[in-house]
Amino acid sequence: MAHVPQIKIPATYIRGGTSKGVFFNLQDLPEAAQLPGAARDALLLRVIGSPDPYGKQIDGMGGATSSTSKTVILSRSIKPEHDVDYLFGQVSIDKAFVDWSGNCGNLSAAVGSFAISAGLVDPARVPANGVATVRIWQANIGKTIIAHVPVTNGEVQETGDFELDGVTFPAAEVQLEFLDPAADEDDGGGAMFPTGNLVDQLDVPGVGSFEVTLISAGIPTIFVNAEAIGYSGTELQDAINGDNAALARFETIRAHGAVRMGLIKHIDEAAGRQHTPKVAFVAPPADYLSSSGKQVKAGDIDLLVRALSMGKLHHAMMGTAAVAIGTAAAIPGTLVNLAAGGGEREAVRFGHPSGTLRVGAQAQQVGGQWTVTKAIMSRSARVLMEGWVRVPGDSF
C-alpha cells in the first residue's frame, strides 16, 4: 500500500503577548491554501493538530488551549499606506473548524516583528537602531493596527526588561495602537454599541435576566456584572473551567448576546462562531492572589475583569478584549466604566487571573454617538522556533 509522504512548509512559531501561534508568509503556503477556502482550513487544522477528540493536540503544533491554537498568515499589503496584511485563524481544538471572524490582539504584537524579519516591510522604513513603525492591515475585521517594534543593529530586538503578567520571562516592549477599533455600521454587528444602548437587559432562558454592555470594539464583547451571575470577579481558571455547568451557562449567555448584537440570527449559529463574541464579567477592585501566587491589591487596579475565550476562562486577557475593556471604560455609563468607579477616563488598569494590565482609549461623543479614535497597550513578542512545519501531503 502506497503512503503519501509529508510535505514541509516554511513557518515560524512565535509568542505574541500571552498567546502563541504558527506564522506563515502567504507565498510560502501550498498553492491550494493561498486562497481562502476548504483547502486552507484543512491545512491549518492539520498543522495545529485538530480536530482532536482527546483535546490535547498531541499530533500538531497546538497547545490545547484557546491561547495556543492559533495561526497567522501575512503578506505584503495591498492596502495603501500599509506595510503588511494580517489574517488570523483561531483553530478549534475538538472540531474541524477555523474561525476567521475576529482578530487576536496578543498575536498582533508579533506581526510587526515577523513582517520585518520576513522582508515584508520596506527596509527604508526600518531604522538601524530605534523603533520601526509597522502599519498593519487587520484583514479579518478591516482595521488598522500600528506596531512600534524596537530595532537594534538592524535586527528586531526581542529581549528586554518589559514584564507582562501571564508571561514568565521579560522581553522587549512592543506598543500597539488599534486605530478606530469600533465596529463600522456595515460590519453586520452594527456600530460600537449594536443596540444603541450603553446598557441593555439580556434575558437568557435557564440562566436569568441581567444587565449587559454589548460593545464591538477590538472584538465584539458581552460584559456582565460578576455579582449578577454569582461571581466575585477574583476567580482563577480552575474555579470556572472545572465547572461544566458554569461553562454551559456562559456559552448560553454568549449565544443569546450574539443574537442581540446582530452577529447571528439564531442561537444555534453560535457553535459555528466560537471566536466571537467574547463574554467577560466585571467587578469593582478587590484583593486577590493571581495564578502565579502574586498578590494583587485593590488599590493597584481600577476594576476586575475575567473573560472567556473559545469556551474557557482565559488565563490572562485576550488583547482584543483588552481593547474592548479600555474602550468601554472610557465611556461613562457602561458596566465596565461603572465597575471602575464611573466618570471620564482615558486609561484603566484592570486585574485578570494572571495579574494586571493597563490599556488606554480615547473616546468622544459626536452627534450623540460615541466614537473611539484609538486604543493603546503594550505587549511583547518572541520567536520560539523557525524552520518548517510538516504535514501529510494529503491533509488538504
Protein backbone atom coordinates (compact mmCIF):
# COMPACT_ATOMS: atom_id res chain seq x y z
CA MET A 1 0.00 0.00 0.00
CA ALA A 2 1.40 3.39 -1.03
CA HIS A 3 1.60 6.13 1.57
CA VAL A 4 1.59 9.84 0.86
CA PRO A 5 4.80 11.47 2.12
CA GLN A 6 4.84 14.52 4.34
CA ILE A 7 5.43 17.95 2.89
CA LYS A 8 7.22 20.78 4.66
CA ILE A 9 6.13 24.40 4.74
CA PRO A 10 8.23 27.34 5.96
CA ALA A 11 6.78 28.53 9.28
CA THR A 12 7.69 30.39 12.44
CA TYR A 13 6.36 29.61 15.92
CA ILE A 14 6.02 32.87 17.88
CA ARG A 15 4.78 34.00 21.26
CA GLY A 16 2.85 37.23 20.99
CA GLY A 17 1.56 38.69 24.25
CA THR A 18 0.03 35.83 26.24
CA SER A 19 -0.64 33.70 23.14
CA LYS A 20 1.39 31.51 20.78
CA GLY A 21 0.79 30.77 17.13
CA VAL A 22 2.20 29.42 13.89
CA PHE A 23 3.04 32.24 11.45
CA PHE A 24 3.17 31.84 7.68
CA ASN A 25 4.17 34.04 4.79
CA LEU A 26 1.25 33.72 2.35
CA GLN A 27 3.60 32.98 -0.56
CA ASP A 28 5.10 30.02 1.32
CA LEU A 29 1.79 28.18 1.61
CA PRO A 30 0.92 25.44 -0.90
CA GLU A 31 -0.87 26.95 -3.88
CA ALA A 32 -4.24 25.46 -2.92
CA ALA A 33 -4.02 27.10 0.52
CA GLN A 34 -3.03 30.55 -0.71
CA LEU A 35 -6.71 31.36 -1.19
CA PRO A 36 -9.46 31.22 1.45
CA GLY A 37 -11.46 28.03 1.50
CA ALA A 38 -11.62 24.40 2.47
CA ALA A 39 -8.01 23.57 1.50
CA ARG A 40 -6.57 26.38 3.63
CA ASP A 41 -8.74 25.44 6.61
CA ALA A 42 -7.82 21.75 6.31
CA LEU A 43 -4.12 22.58 6.15
CA LEU A 44 -4.21 24.79 9.24
CA LEU A 45 -6.25 22.24 11.17
CA ARG A 46 -3.62 19.59 10.42
CA VAL A 47 -0.76 21.93 11.33
CA ILE A 48 -2.29 22.66 14.73
CA GLY A 49 -3.47 19.07 15.33
CA SER A 50 -7.25 19.45 15.14
CA PRO A 51 -9.86 18.18 15.44
CA ASP A 52 -8.66 16.21 18.45
CA PRO A 53 -11.34 14.34 20.44
CA TYR A 54 -8.76 13.91 23.20
CA GLY A 55 -8.46 17.71 23.47
CA LYS A 56 -4.64 17.63 23.60
CA GLN A 57 -3.48 18.44 20.03
CA ILE A 58 -0.60 15.99 20.53
CA ASP A 59 -0.21 15.44 16.77
CA GLY A 60 0.22 19.11 15.92
CA MET A 61 1.63 22.46 16.96
CA GLY A 62 -1.32 23.47 19.12
CA GLY A 63 -1.13 23.62 22.90
CA ALA A 64 -4.72 22.53 23.65
CA THR A 65 -5.87 25.97 24.83
CA SER A 66 -7.53 28.86 23.04
CA SER A 67 -4.31 30.85 23.58
CA THR A 68 -2.16 28.31 21.76
CA SER A 69 -4.45 27.06 18.98
CA LYS A 70 -3.78 29.94 16.62
CA THR A 71 -2.48 30.61 13.10
CA VAL A 72 -1.40 33.75 11.27
CA ILE A 73 -0.95 34.42 7.55
CA LEU A 74 0.94 37.54 6.47
CA SER A 75 1.64 39.14 3.10
CA ARG A 76 2.78 42.46 1.68
CA SER A 77 -0.13 44.83 1.99
CA ILE A 78 -2.31 45.66 -0.96
CA LYS A 79 -3.82 48.45 1.14
CA PRO A 80 -2.40 51.95 0.53
CA GLU A 81 -0.29 53.35 3.40
CA HIS A 82 0.07 49.91 5.00
CA ASP A 83 3.05 47.56 5.16
CA VAL A 84 1.53 44.16 5.79
CA ASP A 85 -1.82 42.37 5.61
CA TYR A 86 -2.52 40.24 8.68
CA LEU A 87 -5.04 37.40 8.67
CA PHE A 88 -5.77 35.47 11.88
CA GLY A 89 -7.27 31.99 12.14
CA GLN A 90 -8.49 30.69 15.51
CA VAL A 91 -8.37 26.91 15.24
CA SER A 92 -10.93 24.89 17.16
CA ILE A 93 -9.40 22.19 19.34
CA ASP A 94 -12.02 19.45 19.13
CA LYS A 95 -13.90 20.40 15.94
CA ALA A 96 -12.90 20.67 12.28
CA PHE A 97 -13.33 24.42 12.28
CA VAL A 98 -11.21 27.53 11.77
CA ASP A 99 -12.85 30.76 12.93
CA TRP A 100 -11.93 33.82 10.83
CA SER A 101 -14.46 36.17 12.46
CA GLY A 102 -12.09 38.23 14.60
CA ASN A 103 -8.57 39.37 15.41
CA CYS A 104 -6.07 38.20 18.03
CA GLY A 105 -4.75 41.23 19.89
CA ASN A 106 -1.98 39.27 21.56
CA LEU A 107 -0.52 37.87 18.34
CA SER A 108 -0.83 41.36 16.85
CA ALA A 109 2.26 42.15 18.93
CA ALA A 110 4.26 39.64 16.87
CA VAL A 111 3.03 40.71 13.44
CA GLY A 112 5.37 43.69 13.10
CA SER A 113 8.50 41.78 14.08
CA PHE A 114 7.70 38.85 11.78
CA ALA A 115 6.92 41.23 8.92
CA ILE A 116 10.28 42.98 9.32
CA SER A 117 12.25 39.74 9.63
CA ALA A 118 10.44 38.19 6.65
CA GLY A 119 11.22 41.17 4.42
CA LEU A 120 7.58 42.22 4.12
CA VAL A 121 8.39 45.79 5.26
CA ASP A 122 10.34 48.20 3.05
CA PRO A 123 13.89 48.24 4.50
CA ALA A 124 13.88 52.02 4.16
CA ARG A 125 11.21 52.11 6.89
CA VAL A 126 13.34 50.13 9.35
CA PRO A 127 15.98 52.12 11.26
CA ALA A 128 19.35 50.62 12.10
CA ASN A 129 18.65 51.47 15.73
CA GLY A 130 15.45 52.78 17.21
CA VAL A 131 11.78 51.93 16.74
CA ALA A 132 10.23 50.77 13.47
CA THR A 133 6.63 51.77 12.87
CA VAL A 134 4.83 48.95 11.10
CA ARG A 135 1.43 49.72 9.58
CA ILE A 136 -0.72 46.59 9.76
CA TRP A 137 -3.99 45.98 7.94
CA GLN A 138 -6.02 43.54 10.05
CA ALA A 139 -7.84 41.73 7.26
CA ASN A 140 -10.34 39.82 9.44
CA ILE A 141 -12.03 42.98 10.70
CA GLY A 142 -10.80 45.63 8.25
CA LYS A 143 -8.94 47.76 10.79
CA THR A 144 -5.50 49.36 11.11
CA ILE A 145 -3.02 48.47 13.84
CA ILE A 146 0.22 50.37 14.33
CA ALA A 147 3.04 48.36 15.91
CA HIS A 148 6.10 50.11 17.33
CA VAL A 149 8.86 47.50 17.10
CA PRO A 150 12.29 48.05 18.73
CA VAL A 151 15.25 47.52 16.40
CA THR A 152 18.92 47.11 17.38
CA ASN A 153 21.74 46.88 14.83
CA GLY A 154 19.23 46.44 12.04
CA GLU A 155 17.53 43.44 13.68
CA VAL A 156 14.27 43.16 15.56
CA GLN A 157 15.02 43.36 19.27
CA GLU A 158 13.16 40.67 21.18
CA THR A 159 14.91 40.63 24.53
CA GLY A 160 14.40 43.33 27.15
CA ASP A 161 13.10 44.07 30.61
CA PHE A 162 9.40 44.64 29.86
CA GLU A 163 7.29 42.39 32.08
CA LEU A 164 3.84 41.21 31.08
CA ASP A 165 1.66 39.38 33.58
CA GLY A 166 0.84 35.97 32.17
CA VAL A 167 4.29 35.64 30.55
CA THR A 168 7.07 34.18 32.70
CA PHE A 169 10.11 35.95 31.25
CA PRO A 170 10.68 39.64 30.40
CA ALA A 171 11.17 40.75 26.79
CA ALA A 172 11.26 43.87 24.63
CA GLU A 173 8.20 46.11 24.77
CA VAL A 174 6.05 46.46 21.66
CA GLN A 175 3.48 49.24 21.81
CA LEU A 176 0.32 48.69 19.80
CA GLU A 177 -2.18 51.27 18.61
CA PHE A 178 -5.56 49.94 17.49
CA LEU A 179 -6.93 52.72 15.30
CA ASP A 180 -10.69 53.29 15.12
CA PRO A 181 -11.26 49.91 16.82
CA ALA A 182 -15.05 50.11 16.98
CA ALA A 183 -17.19 48.20 14.51
CA ASP A 184 -18.38 50.03 11.43
CA GLU A 185 -22.06 50.36 10.63
CA ASP A 186 -21.78 47.82 7.81
CA ASP A 187 -19.91 45.15 9.77
CA GLY A 188 -23.01 43.07 10.43
CA GLY A 189 -22.98 43.79 14.13
CA GLY A 190 -23.81 47.46 13.76
CA ALA A 191 -21.89 50.29 15.36
CA MET A 192 -19.78 50.29 18.53
CA PHE A 193 -22.94 49.72 20.59
CA PRO A 194 -25.03 47.46 18.32
CA THR A 195 -28.27 48.06 20.20
CA GLY A 196 -27.66 51.79 20.53
CA ASN A 197 -27.56 51.46 24.32
CA LEU A 198 -24.72 51.58 26.82
CA VAL A 199 -26.55 49.05 28.99
CA ASP A 200 -29.20 46.51 27.98
CA GLN A 201 -31.28 43.96 29.84
CA LEU A 202 -30.47 40.50 28.50
CA ASP A 203 -32.91 37.66 29.12
CA VAL A 204 -31.20 34.26 28.97
CA PRO A 205 -33.56 31.29 29.38
CA GLY A 206 -32.35 28.95 32.09
CA VAL A 207 -29.77 31.45 33.33
CA GLY A 208 -31.55 34.66 34.24
CA SER A 209 -32.12 38.28 33.30
CA PHE A 210 -29.36 40.81 33.94
CA GLU A 211 -27.75 44.00 32.70
CA VAL A 212 -25.10 43.78 29.99
CA THR A 213 -22.97 46.15 27.98
CA LEU A 214 -22.75 44.94 24.38
CA ILE A 215 -19.82 46.52 22.56
CA SER A 216 -17.96 45.95 19.30
CA ALA A 217 -14.53 47.49 19.81
CA GLY A 218 -11.39 45.41 19.38
CA ILE A 219 -13.63 42.36 19.37
CA PRO A 220 -17.38 42.02 19.97
CA THR A 221 -17.79 41.54 23.72
CA ILE A 222 -20.62 40.94 26.17
CA PHE A 223 -19.87 42.48 29.56
CA VAL A 224 -21.90 41.45 32.61
CA ASN A 225 -21.53 42.29 36.29
CA ALA A 226 -19.86 39.41 38.15
CA GLU A 227 -22.30 39.67 41.05
CA ALA A 228 -25.29 39.28 38.72
CA ILE A 229 -24.16 35.79 37.70
CA GLY A 230 -22.88 34.64 41.08
CA TYR A 231 -19.18 35.53 40.92
CA SER A 232 -16.83 37.95 42.67
CA GLY A 233 -14.52 38.80 39.77
CA THR A 234 -11.48 37.36 41.57
CA GLU A 235 -11.89 33.84 40.14
CA LEU A 236 -8.99 31.94 38.59
CA GLN A 237 -9.23 29.38 35.79
CA ASP A 238 -9.94 26.32 37.92
CA ALA A 239 -12.99 27.92 39.50
CA ILE A 240 -14.67 28.20 36.09
CA ASN A 241 -13.05 25.70 33.75
CA GLY A 242 -13.59 22.80 36.13
CA ASP A 243 -17.32 23.51 36.28
CA ASN A 244 -19.05 22.16 33.17
CA ALA A 245 -22.39 23.61 34.24
CA ALA A 246 -20.84 27.06 34.54
CA LEU A 247 -19.23 26.78 31.11
CA ALA A 248 -22.58 25.77 29.63
CA ARG A 249 -24.22 28.83 31.21
CA PHE A 250 -21.56 31.14 29.79
CA GLU A 251 -22.00 29.62 26.34
CA THR A 252 -25.76 30.19 26.60
CA ILE A 253 -25.15 33.81 27.59
CA ARG A 254 -22.75 34.17 24.68
CA ALA A 255 -25.23 32.76 22.17
CA HIS A 256 -28.10 34.99 23.30
CA GLY A 257 -25.79 38.02 23.42
CA ALA A 258 -24.60 37.29 19.89
CA VAL A 259 -28.18 37.32 18.65
CA ARG A 260 -28.87 40.60 20.48
CA MET A 261 -25.72 42.11 18.90
CA GLY A 262 -26.85 41.10 15.41
CA LEU A 263 -23.84 38.83 14.89
CA ILE A 264 -26.03 35.76 14.33
CA LYS A 265 -29.73 35.30 13.67
CA HIS A 266 -30.34 32.26 15.88
CA ILE A 267 -28.58 30.91 18.97
CA ASP A 268 -27.83 27.64 17.14
CA GLU A 269 -25.40 29.56 14.91
CA ALA A 270 -23.14 30.36 17.88
CA ALA A 271 -21.49 26.93 17.60
CA GLY A 272 -20.10 27.96 14.22
CA ARG A 273 -18.80 31.27 15.53
CA GLN A 274 -16.71 30.28 18.53
CA HIS A 275 -14.18 33.12 18.46
CA THR A 276 -16.71 35.96 18.67
CA PRO A 277 -18.32 37.42 20.64
CA LYS A 278 -16.46 37.12 23.92
CA VAL A 279 -18.10 37.05 27.35
CA ALA A 280 -16.48 38.92 30.24
CA PHE A 281 -17.59 39.68 33.78
CA VAL A 282 -16.53 42.75 35.74
CA ALA A 283 -16.42 43.86 39.36
CA PRO A 284 -15.02 46.72 41.45
CA PRO A 285 -11.43 46.36 42.71
CA ALA A 286 -10.65 43.71 45.35
CA ASP A 287 -7.54 41.99 46.69
CA TYR A 288 -6.75 38.56 45.23
CA LEU A 289 -3.92 36.13 44.56
CA SER A 290 -3.02 35.79 40.89
CA SER A 291 -2.38 32.39 39.30
CA SER A 292 1.37 32.86 39.87
CA GLY A 293 0.80 33.48 43.58
CA LYS A 294 1.47 37.21 43.31
CA GLN A 295 -0.75 39.40 45.48
CA VAL A 296 -2.84 41.92 43.54
CA LYS A 297 -4.01 44.77 45.74
CA ALA A 298 -7.33 46.53 45.21
CA GLY A 299 -5.56 49.86 45.43
CA ASP A 300 -3.38 49.00 42.42
CA ILE A 301 -6.23 48.41 39.98
CA ASP A 302 -9.35 50.19 38.76
CA LEU A 303 -11.53 47.10 38.32
CA LEU A 304 -11.57 43.32 37.97
CA VAL A 305 -12.22 41.57 34.66
CA ARG A 306 -12.45 37.88 33.78
CA ALA A 307 -13.07 36.81 30.17
CA LEU A 308 -13.83 33.58 28.37
CA SER A 309 -12.29 32.55 25.06
CA MET A 310 -13.34 29.54 22.98
CA GLY A 311 -15.48 28.26 25.84
CA LYS A 312 -12.92 28.53 28.65
CA LEU A 313 -11.85 31.20 31.14
CA HIS A 314 -8.73 32.84 29.73
CA HIS A 315 -5.55 32.55 31.80
CA ALA A 316 -4.86 36.28 31.42
CA MET A 317 -6.66 38.58 28.96
CA MET A 318 -7.13 38.49 25.22
CA GLY A 319 -5.58 41.57 23.60
CA THR A 320 -8.69 42.40 21.62
CA ALA A 321 -10.83 42.05 24.75
CA ALA A 322 -8.44 44.46 26.47
CA VAL A 323 -9.25 46.95 23.70
CA ALA A 324 -12.95 46.42 24.41
CA ILE A 325 -12.30 46.93 28.14
CA GLY A 326 -10.34 50.14 27.59
CA THR A 327 -12.95 51.50 25.20
CA ALA A 328 -15.92 50.66 27.43
CA ALA A 329 -14.11 52.05 30.48
CA ALA A 330 -13.63 55.38 28.69
CA ILE A 331 -17.37 55.80 28.13
CA PRO A 332 -19.35 56.91 31.21
CA GLY A 333 -22.28 54.66 32.00
CA THR A 334 -21.13 51.29 30.66
CA LEU A 335 -20.87 48.43 33.13
CA VAL A 336 -17.09 48.47 32.71
CA ASN A 337 -16.92 52.18 33.41
CA LEU A 338 -19.18 51.87 36.45
CA ALA A 339 -17.14 48.97 37.86
CA ALA A 340 -14.08 51.23 37.57
CA GLY A 341 -15.81 53.96 39.56
CA GLY A 342 -17.55 55.87 36.76
CA GLY A 343 -16.66 59.23 35.24
CA GLU A 344 -14.41 60.10 32.33
CA ARG A 345 -11.08 58.31 31.99
CA GLU A 346 -8.52 57.68 29.28
CA ALA A 347 -6.89 54.59 30.77
CA VAL A 348 -7.59 51.79 33.23
CA ARG A 349 -5.53 49.14 34.93
CA PHE A 350 -7.57 46.00 35.44
CA GLY A 351 -6.93 42.80 37.33
CA HIS A 352 -7.10 39.50 35.45
CA PRO A 353 -6.25 35.93 36.53
CA SER A 354 -2.51 36.32 35.86
CA GLY A 355 -2.08 39.84 37.24
CA THR A 356 -2.79 43.30 35.85
CA LEU A 357 -2.83 45.12 32.53
CA ARG A 358 -3.10 48.78 31.62
CA VAL A 359 -4.96 49.84 28.48
CA GLY A 360 -5.80 53.32 27.25
CA ALA A 361 -8.51 54.55 24.91
CA GLN A 362 -9.51 57.91 23.50
CA ALA A 363 -13.29 58.18 23.22
CA GLN A 364 -15.53 61.10 22.40
CA GLN A 365 -19.19 61.77 21.78
CA VAL A 366 -20.03 63.20 18.36
CA GLY A 367 -23.60 63.96 17.38
CA GLY A 368 -24.89 61.88 20.25
CA GLN A 369 -22.85 58.85 19.21
CA TRP A 370 -19.74 57.56 20.95
CA THR A 371 -16.62 57.06 18.86
CA VAL A 372 -13.13 55.94 19.79
CA THR A 373 -10.10 57.07 17.81
CA LYS A 374 -7.64 54.52 19.15
CA ALA A 375 -6.79 52.15 21.96
CA ILE A 376 -3.22 51.69 23.16
CA MET A 377 -1.48 48.93 25.09
CA SER A 378 1.93 47.31 25.37
CA ARG A 379 2.77 43.66 24.79
CA SER A 380 5.89 41.72 23.86
CA ALA A 381 6.77 39.03 21.33
CA ARG A 382 9.50 36.46 20.81
CA VAL A 383 10.30 33.92 18.11
CA LEU A 384 10.36 30.44 19.69
CA MET A 385 11.23 28.35 16.65
CA GLU A 386 11.61 28.82 12.92
CA GLY A 387 12.06 26.45 10.01
CA TRP A 388 9.43 24.14 8.50
CA VAL A 389 6.25 22.60 9.77
CA ARG A 390 5.42 19.20 8.30
CA VAL A 391 2.01 17.75 7.42
CA PRO A 392 0.93 14.67 5.45
CA GLY A 393 0.67 15.58 1.79
CA ASP A 394 -2.98 14.56 1.58
CA SER A 395 -4.06 16.73 4.53
CA PHE A 396 -5.72 19.40 2.40
